[in-house]
Protein backbone atom coordinates (compact mmCIF):
# COMPACT_ATOMS: atom_id res chain seq x y z
CA MET A 1 0.00 -0.02 0.01
CA ALA A 2 2.93 2.32 0.65
CA VAL A 3 4.09 2.00 -2.97
CA ILE A 4 0.64 2.98 -4.23
CA ARG A 5 0.46 5.90 -1.84
CA TYR A 6 3.91 7.15 -2.91
CA SER A 7 3.05 6.74 -6.61
CA VAL A 8 -0.22 8.68 -6.19
CA LEU A 9 1.58 11.47 -4.34
CA ARG A 10 4.23 11.73 -7.09
CA LEU A 11 1.53 11.79 -9.75
CA GLY A 12 -0.27 14.50 -7.80
CA LEU A 13 2.89 16.60 -7.68
CA PHE A 14 3.24 16.22 -11.44
CA VAL A 15 -0.35 17.26 -12.08
CA VAL A 16 -0.04 20.30 -9.76
CA ALA A 17 3.21 21.35 -11.45
CA LEU A 18 1.73 20.84 -14.93
CA VAL A 19 -1.42 22.85 -14.13
CA ALA A 20 0.68 25.62 -12.59
CA LEU A 21 2.96 25.83 -15.63
CA LEU A 22 0.02 25.79 -18.08
CA TRP A 23 -1.78 28.44 -16.00
CA ALA A 24 1.39 30.57 -16.08
CA GLY A 25 1.23 30.49 -19.88
CA MET A 26 4.05 28.07 -20.66
CA ASN A 27 4.13 26.33 -24.03
CA PRO A 28 1.84 23.23 -23.88
CA TRP A 29 4.49 21.07 -25.51
CA LEU A 30 7.25 22.06 -23.10
CA SER A 31 5.25 22.24 -19.89
CA PRO A 32 4.90 18.41 -19.33
CA LEU A 33 8.66 18.02 -19.61
CA LEU A 34 9.40 20.84 -17.21
CA ALA A 35 6.62 19.64 -14.89
CA ALA A 36 8.25 16.19 -14.74
CA PHE A 37 11.52 17.78 -13.62
CA VAL A 38 9.77 19.99 -11.08
CA ALA A 39 7.78 17.08 -9.71
CA TRP A 40 10.92 14.93 -9.50
CA GLY A 41 12.75 17.58 -7.49
CA LEU A 42 9.79 18.28 -5.19
CA SER A 43 9.15 14.58 -4.60
CA TYR A 44 12.80 14.07 -3.66
CA VAL A 45 12.54 16.81 -1.05
CA LEU A 46 8.93 16.56 0.15
CA LEU A 47 8.22 12.82 -0.08
CA ALA A 48 11.20 11.29 1.74
CA GLY A 49 8.97 9.55 4.33
CA PRO A 50 6.59 7.91 1.87
CA ARG A 51 9.56 7.01 -0.38
CA ASP A 52 11.32 5.22 2.52
CA ALA A 53 8.11 3.40 3.45
CA ALA A 54 7.69 2.26 -0.17
CA ALA A 55 11.30 1.12 -0.38
CA LEU A 56 10.87 -0.83 2.86
CA GLN A 57 7.75 -2.52 1.50
CA VAL A 58 9.52 -3.48 -1.72
CA ALA A 59 12.52 -4.82 0.21
CA GLU A 60 10.29 -6.91 2.48
CA ARG A 61 8.45 -8.41 -0.48
CA ALA A 62 11.75 -9.20 -2.21
CA GLU A 63 13.03 -10.90 0.96
CA ALA A 64 9.84 -12.95 1.27
CA ARG A 65 10.10 -13.95 -2.38
CA ARG A 66 13.74 -14.98 -1.87
CA ALA A 67 12.72 -17.06 1.16
CA ARG A 68 10.00 -18.82 -0.88
CA GLN A 69 12.16 -19.31 -3.92
CA GLY A 70 13.55 -22.66 -2.90
CA ARG A 71 10.14 -24.09 -1.96
CA THR A 72 7.86 -24.88 -4.83
CA GLU A 73 4.34 -25.58 -3.59
CA LEU A 74 2.58 -28.22 -5.67
CA THR A 75 -0.92 -29.53 -5.20
CA GLY A 76 -2.82 -32.63 -6.26
CA ARG A 77 -1.61 -34.54 -9.28
CA ALA A 78 1.49 -32.39 -9.73
CA ARG A 79 2.66 -33.33 -6.19
CA GLU A 80 2.08 -37.03 -6.92
CA ASP A 81 4.04 -36.77 -10.19
CA ALA A 82 6.90 -34.97 -8.46
CA ASP A 83 7.04 -37.59 -5.70
CA ALA A 84 7.11 -40.42 -8.27
CA GLU A 85 9.82 -38.72 -10.22
CA ASP A 86 11.87 -38.12 -7.09
CA ALA A 87 11.53 -41.78 -6.06
CA ALA A 88 12.59 -43.00 -9.52
CA ASP A 89 15.56 -40.60 -9.54
CA GLU A 90 16.69 -41.70 -6.06
CA ALA A 91 16.40 -45.40 -7.05
CA ALA A 92 18.43 -44.79 -10.21
CA ARG A 93 21.09 -42.90 -8.29
CA ALA A 94 21.29 -45.60 -5.60
CA ALA A 95 21.59 -48.30 -8.28
CA ALA A 96 24.29 -46.35 -10.06
CA ALA A 97 26.18 -45.97 -6.78
CA ASP A 98 25.94 -49.74 -6.14
CA GLY A 99 27.00 -50.53 -9.72
CA THR A 100 23.74 -52.31 -10.50
CA ALA A 101 21.13 -51.55 -13.11
CA PRO A 102 17.91 -49.93 -11.97
CA SER A 103 15.14 -52.39 -11.19
CA GLY A 104 11.54 -52.29 -12.31
CA ASP A 105 10.21 -51.04 -15.60
CA ASP A 106 12.27 -47.85 -15.54
CA GLU A 107 14.25 -47.13 -18.68
CA ALA A 108 18.03 -47.10 -18.42
CA LEU A 109 19.50 -43.66 -17.89
CA PRO A 110 21.55 -42.26 -20.79
CA THR A 111 25.27 -42.27 -20.36
CA ALA A 112 27.69 -39.39 -20.94
CA ASP A 113 28.56 -40.75 -24.41
CA GLY A 114 24.92 -40.54 -25.45
CA GLY A 115 24.19 -44.30 -25.35
């Protein structure tokens, strides 16, 4: 919510600056460009608190996303498929470590030479 609040405040500064420049008689083609610079400068000075709150919110969301990144949450059939695939992979790795072929109806794993 802090990001939305900060964005609305910045947009408001731009609109106020644009209206003021147009009211003052500035060229309609040049006034949006100058209003953007005026709004940027005013937002840097006047909106430090909302800017910090928005930055904190973005940082917290990024941290939460990083924490969730390693955990994929699957449901239903996708979870069953993933579990079956994990079990087959573990069996194949255990068989390869023992030097035996994988048991069951699993296909042989390809070798490094493509065979």
